[in-house]
Protein backbone atom coordinates (compact mmCIF):
# COMPACT_ATOMS: atom_id res chain seq x y z
CA MET A 1 -1.84 -65.77 7.68
CA LYS A 2 -2.19 -62.07 8.29
CA LYS A 3 -0.08 -60.67 11.12
CA PHE A 4 0.48 -57.14 12.34
CA GLY A 5 2.81 -56.29 9.45
CA PHE A 6 2.80 -58.08 6.11
CA THR A 7 0.62 -60.98 5.14
CA ARG A 8 2.60 -64.09 4.20
CA ALA A 9 1.51 -63.54 0.59
CA GLU A 10 2.84 -59.97 0.68
CA VAL A 11 6.21 -61.22 1.88
CA LEU A 12 6.37 -63.84 -0.87
CA ALA A 13 5.28 -61.34 -3.52
CA LEU A 14 7.87 -58.81 -2.42
CA ALA A 15 10.61 -61.43 -2.30
CA GLY A 16 9.65 -62.77 -5.71
CA GLY A 17 9.63 -59.30 -7.19
CA ALA A 18 13.04 -58.52 -5.76
CA VAL A 19 14.53 -61.72 -7.18
CA ALA A 20 13.00 -61.04 -10.60
CA ALA A 21 14.34 -57.49 -10.62
CA LEU A 22 17.85 -58.66 -9.77
CA THR A 23 17.72 -61.46 -12.32
CA LEU A 24 16.39 -59.30 -15.16
CA GLY A 25 18.25 -56.15 -14.24
CA ILE A 26 15.00 -54.23 -13.74
CA ALA A 27 15.32 -51.09 -11.64
CA PRO A 28 12.60 -50.20 -9.14
CA ALA A 29 10.06 -47.67 -10.42
CA LYS A 30 11.19 -44.08 -10.11
CA ALA A 31 9.40 -41.38 -8.15
CA ILE A 32 6.58 -39.56 -9.87
CA THR A 33 5.67 -35.95 -9.21
CA PRO A 34 2.31 -34.14 -9.32
CA ASP A 35 3.52 -32.21 -12.39
CA GLU A 36 4.36 -35.46 -14.20
CA ILE A 37 0.92 -36.82 -13.40
CA LYS A 38 -0.67 -33.65 -14.74
CA ALA A 39 1.43 -33.93 -17.89
CA LYS A 40 0.26 -37.47 -18.64
CA GLY A 41 -3.36 -36.53 -17.89
CA LYS A 42 -4.21 -39.40 -15.58
CA ILE A 43 -3.30 -40.91 -12.24
CA VAL A 44 -3.29 -44.68 -11.70
CA ILE A 45 -4.58 -45.38 -8.20
CA GLY A 46 -4.47 -48.77 -6.52
CA VAL A 47 -7.79 -49.43 -4.77
CA GLN A 48 -9.72 -52.40 -3.44
CA MET A 49 -12.67 -53.40 -5.59
CA ASP A 50 -14.14 -56.20 -3.49
CA GLN A 51 -14.21 -54.69 0.00
CA PHE A 52 -17.53 -52.99 0.76
CA PRO A 53 -17.76 -50.16 1.77
CA TRP A 54 -14.12 -49.19 1.10
CA GLY A 55 -14.11 -50.06 -2.60
CA PHE A 56 -16.41 -52.27 -4.65
CA ILE A 57 -18.20 -52.69 -7.98
CA ASN A 58 -21.85 -51.58 -7.78
CA ALA A 59 -24.85 -53.09 -9.57
CA ALA A 60 -24.19 -50.85 -12.57
CA GLY A 61 -20.65 -52.19 -12.87
CA LYS A 62 -19.00 -48.98 -11.69
CA ASN A 63 -16.41 -48.42 -8.95
CA GLU A 64 -17.94 -47.10 -5.75
CA GLY A 65 -17.04 -46.68 -2.08
CA PHE A 66 -15.14 -44.57 0.43
CA ASP A 67 -11.72 -44.99 -1.18
CA ILE A 68 -13.16 -44.52 -4.67
CA GLU A 69 -14.65 -41.14 -3.80
CA ILE A 70 -11.39 -40.02 -2.19
CA SER A 71 -9.44 -41.18 -5.24
CA GLU A 72 -11.76 -39.28 -7.56
CA LEU A 73 -11.32 -36.16 -5.45
CA ILE A 74 -7.52 -36.50 -5.64
CA ALA A 75 -7.71 -36.81 -9.43
CA LYS A 76 -10.04 -33.82 -9.66
CA GLU A 77 -7.68 -31.63 -7.64
CA LEU A 78 -4.80 -32.66 -9.89
CA GLY A 79 -6.93 -31.96 -12.96
CA VAL A 80 -6.53 -35.47 -14.38
CA LYS A 81 -8.62 -38.59 -14.94
CA PRO A 82 -8.48 -41.40 -12.35
CA GLU A 83 -7.59 -44.87 -13.54
CA PHE A 84 -8.08 -47.65 -11.02
CA ALA A 85 -5.73 -50.60 -10.56
CA ARG A 86 -7.35 -53.44 -8.65
CA ILE A 87 -5.40 -54.34 -5.53
CA THR A 88 -5.55 -57.20 -3.08
CA GLY A 89 -3.77 -57.84 0.17
CA GLN A 90 -1.26 -59.87 -1.81
CA ASN A 91 -0.41 -57.49 -4.66
CA ARG A 92 -0.92 -53.94 -3.39
CA ILE A 93 2.67 -53.21 -2.33
CA PRO A 94 4.29 -54.85 -5.40
CA LEU A 95 1.94 -52.93 -7.72
CA LEU A 96 3.11 -49.69 -6.15
CA THR A 97 6.82 -50.41 -5.98
CA SER A 98 6.85 -51.72 -9.56
CA GLY A 99 5.23 -48.55 -10.88
CA THR A 100 1.99 -50.18 -12.03
CA ALA A 101 0.15 -47.83 -9.66
CA ASP A 102 1.19 -44.23 -9.05
CA ILE A 103 -0.27 -44.20 -5.52
CA LEU A 104 -2.33 -46.43 -3.25
CA VAL A 105 -5.60 -45.44 -1.60
CA PRO A 106 -6.00 -48.86 -0.05
CA SER A 107 -7.57 -48.72 3.44
CA MET A 108 -4.33 -50.41 4.50
CA THR A 109 -3.21 -50.58 8.11
CA ILE A 110 -0.12 -48.47 8.77
CA THR A 111 2.63 -50.62 10.25
CA GLU A 112 6.30 -50.10 10.97
CA GLU A 113 7.19 -53.14 8.85
CA ARG A 114 5.36 -51.85 5.76
CA ALA A 115 6.89 -48.39 6.26
CA LYS A 116 10.29 -49.93 5.56
CA VAL A 117 9.19 -50.75 2.00
CA ILE A 118 6.69 -48.02 1.06
CA GLN A 119 6.11 -44.43 2.11
CA PHE A 120 2.91 -43.86 4.08
CA VAL A 121 0.94 -40.62 3.88
CA LEU A 122 -0.63 -39.19 7.05
CA PRO A 123 -3.58 -41.35 8.21
CA TYR A 124 -6.82 -40.56 6.40
CA SER A 125 -9.03 -43.31 7.77
CA ALA A 126 -9.43 -45.88 10.52
CA ASN A 127 -11.05 -49.27 10.89
CA ASP A 128 -11.29 -49.60 14.65
CA ILE A 129 -11.11 -53.15 15.96
CA THR A 130 -14.41 -53.39 17.77
CA LEU A 131 -16.42 -55.76 19.93
CA TRP A 132 -20.03 -56.38 18.85
CA ALA A 133 -22.76 -58.02 20.95
CA LYS A 134 -26.45 -57.83 21.82
CA LYS A 135 -27.48 -54.49 23.23
CA ASP A 136 -28.53 -56.01 26.56
CA ALA A 137 -25.21 -57.85 27.07
CA PRO A 138 -23.36 -56.14 29.97
CA ILE A 139 -19.95 -56.11 28.29
CA LYS A 140 -17.97 -52.97 29.08
CA GLY A 141 -14.30 -53.95 28.74
CA ASN A 142 -11.77 -56.67 28.08
CA GLU A 143 -12.14 -57.99 31.61
CA ASP A 144 -15.75 -59.03 30.84
CA LEU A 145 -14.86 -61.17 27.81
CA GLY A 146 -14.08 -64.25 29.89
CA LYS A 147 -17.77 -64.61 30.74
CA TYR A 148 -18.79 -65.10 27.11
CA VAL A 149 -18.09 -67.08 23.95
CA ILE A 150 -16.34 -64.73 21.52
CA GLY A 151 -16.17 -65.22 17.75
CA VAL A 152 -13.40 -64.04 15.44
CA ASN A 153 -12.20 -64.42 11.84
CA ARG A 154 -9.40 -66.99 12.01
CA GLY A 155 -6.09 -65.84 10.58
CA SER A 156 -7.12 -62.18 10.55
CA VAL A 157 -5.41 -59.34 12.39
CA PHE A 158 -8.32 -59.54 14.84
CA ASP A 159 -7.43 -63.04 16.08
CA PRO A 160 -4.13 -62.30 17.89
CA ILE A 161 -5.58 -59.06 19.24
CA LEU A 162 -8.48 -60.97 20.78
CA VAL A 163 -6.14 -63.57 22.27
CA LYS A 164 -4.08 -60.78 23.86
CA ALA A 165 -7.06 -58.76 25.10
CA ALA A 166 -9.24 -61.53 26.52
CA PRO A 167 -8.69 -63.02 29.99
CA ALA A 168 -7.03 -66.43 30.11
CA GLY A 169 -9.56 -69.20 29.57
CA THR A 170 -11.94 -67.14 27.41
CA GLN A 171 -13.85 -69.35 24.97
CA ILE A 172 -12.90 -68.26 21.47
CA ARG A 173 -14.55 -69.70 18.36
CA ARG A 174 -12.92 -69.06 15.00
CA PHE A 175 -14.63 -68.76 11.64
CA ASP A 176 -13.35 -68.74 8.07
CA ASP A 177 -14.17 -65.16 7.11
CA ASP A 178 -15.87 -61.94 8.20
CA ALA A 179 -19.28 -62.92 6.82
CA SER A 180 -19.42 -66.21 8.73
CA THR A 181 -18.19 -64.48 11.88
CA VAL A 182 -21.03 -61.97 11.76
CA GLN A 183 -23.52 -64.73 10.92
CA ALA A 184 -22.36 -66.69 13.97
CA LEU A 185 -23.34 -63.76 16.18
CA LEU A 186 -26.74 -63.35 14.53
CA ALA A 187 -27.40 -67.11 14.77
CA GLY A 188 -26.53 -67.20 18.48
CA GLN A 189 -23.50 -69.44 18.02
CA VAL A 190 -21.41 -66.92 19.95
CA ASP A 191 -22.21 -64.17 22.43
CA ALA A 192 -20.01 -61.51 20.86
CA ILE A 193 -17.57 -61.02 17.98
CA LEU A 194 -14.38 -59.02 17.53
CA GLY A 195 -13.72 -57.39 14.20
CA SER A 196 -14.09 -54.43 11.91
CA VAL A 197 -16.10 -51.32 12.72
CA THR A 198 -17.86 -52.02 9.40
CA TYR A 199 -19.41 -55.19 10.81
CA GLY A 200 -22.18 -52.83 11.85
CA LEU A 201 -23.08 -52.24 8.20
CA VAL A 202 -23.46 -55.98 7.67
CA ILE A 203 -25.60 -56.29 10.79
CA LYS A 204 -27.74 -53.39 9.62
CA SER A 205 -28.20 -54.94 6.19
CA THR A 206 -29.82 -57.97 7.87
CA GLY A 207 -32.29 -55.79 9.77
CA ASN A 208 -30.75 -56.67 13.14
CA ASP A 209 -29.20 -53.32 14.02
CA GLY A 210 -31.87 -52.82 16.68
CA LYS A 211 -30.60 -55.88 18.56
CA TYR A 212 -26.82 -55.49 18.36
CA GLU A 213 -24.34 -52.70 19.01
CA ARG A 214 -20.69 -51.74 19.26
CA LYS A 215 -19.64 -52.31 22.85
CA PHE A 216 -16.16 -50.80 22.85
CA LYS A 217 -13.02 -50.34 20.78
CA VAL A 218 -10.44 -53.00 21.55
CA ALA A 219 -7.60 -51.59 19.44
CA ASP A 220 -6.77 -48.79 17.01
CA ASN A 221 -6.32 -49.59 13.33
CA TYR A 222 -5.07 -46.53 11.44
CA GLN A 223 -5.01 -46.57 7.65
CA GLY A 224 -2.90 -44.64 5.19
CA MET A 225 -2.46 -43.95 1.50
CA ALA A 226 0.99 -44.78 0.18
CA VAL A 227 3.55 -43.72 -2.40
CA ARG A 228 6.92 -45.15 -3.37
CA GLN A 229 9.86 -44.35 -1.14
CA GLY A 230 11.55 -41.24 -2.49
CA ASP A 231 8.32 -39.79 -3.92
CA LYS A 232 8.78 -36.68 -1.79
CA GLN A 233 6.76 -34.29 -3.96
CA MET A 234 3.84 -36.70 -4.24
CA LEU A 235 4.04 -37.38 -0.51
CA ASP A 236 3.97 -33.66 0.30
CA TRP A 237 1.00 -33.14 -2.02
CA LEU A 238 -1.01 -35.97 -0.46
CA ASN A 239 -0.13 -34.95 3.10
CA ASP A 240 -1.43 -31.48 2.26
CA PHE A 241 -4.55 -33.05 0.73
CA VAL A 242 -5.26 -35.02 3.93
CA LYS A 243 -4.72 -31.94 6.10
CA ARG A 244 -6.95 -29.69 3.97
CA ARG A 245 -9.73 -32.22 3.55
CA THR A 246 -9.66 -32.96 7.25
CA ALA A 247 -9.91 -29.25 8.09
CA ASP A 248 -12.84 -28.63 5.73
CA GLY A 249 -14.76 -31.71 6.91
CA THR A 250 -14.69 -33.57 3.59
CA LEU A 251 -13.05 -36.73 4.96
CA ASP A 252 -15.35 -36.74 7.99
CA ALA A 253 -18.42 -36.52 5.75
CA LEU A 254 -17.26 -39.32 3.44
CA TYR A 255 -16.40 -41.56 6.39
CA LYS A 256 -19.83 -40.97 7.91
CA LYS A 257 -21.51 -41.67 4.56
CA TRP A 258 -19.74 -44.96 3.87
CA ILE A 259 -18.69 -46.33 7.26
CA GLY A 260 -21.74 -45.19 9.18
CA ALA A 261 -19.76 -43.79 12.11
CA ASP A 262 -17.85 -40.65 13.03
CA ARG A 263 -14.29 -40.62 11.73
CA PRO A 264 -12.03 -40.75 14.80
CA THR A 265 -9.33 -38.19 15.48
CA LEU A 266 -6.26 -39.55 13.71
CA PRO A 267 -2.63 -39.23 14.81
CA THR A 268 -0.01 -37.26 12.92
CA SER A 269 2.80 -39.45 14.22
CA LEU A 270 3.20 -43.15 14.94
CA PRO A 271 6.16 -45.10 16.35
CA GLY A 272 8.54 -46.25 13.65
CA VAL A 273 6.69 -44.50 10.81
CA ASN A 274 8.02 -41.38 9.08
CA PHE A 275 5.25 -39.40 7.39
CA THR A 276 7.53 -36.63 6.09
CA GLY A 277 9.87 -38.68 3.92
CA GLN A 278 12.89 -36.98 5.45
């Protein structure tokens, strides 16, 4: 079950990796610098390949999506070829800490718990936790949720947030995944759903975007690239990349292209997370 920090699978994977390293005498992967990446001529980037629109395989069998374009831009600036390592919620942190991936561009929520294991770069993206409903539904805030039946993906980060935000007694119906949650709204099984800002892309793909809309943001969900702890030079390079590409509008344009919304203003500090590596 996914909580606010690690998924259970992430915890098990990290624990298993630690035990294996101790048993076999394997040292954690060492830091890698931008100059070392340039010397080897490629950068191995951990990305999602099954999460539209963040990262996915298109009809031509090629990697595509928001994170893919950002990864390609990073590789271009370094003057090397990008090589993609497929990540999942279960393996992304172990792939980084083991050295299989040089960096992660994972659309991964920044949390204090994860920051104890990996080094987050300044936020580059967000996936606001949003309430969706019919356009004519008079839902303006959390206090209105008790009047409706609200759908949510069971076991997701959205579930506990909905429980906390909704008034006591709110009818909540849980579904197995994001797709069935959105379908429940379109089929009239629920009055509203809580989930990703990208639910709007799914709704649009069904031709129903004229009937439904984002009502309001329920919670922030900031996302960050990541490097191994101690990778100070790589961290500094990526922090500079995020700052420059924010200033010149590149990240805003890519977010608009793939997510279909304006990229929100992102924080440069978060409680319990050190973005400087010092």
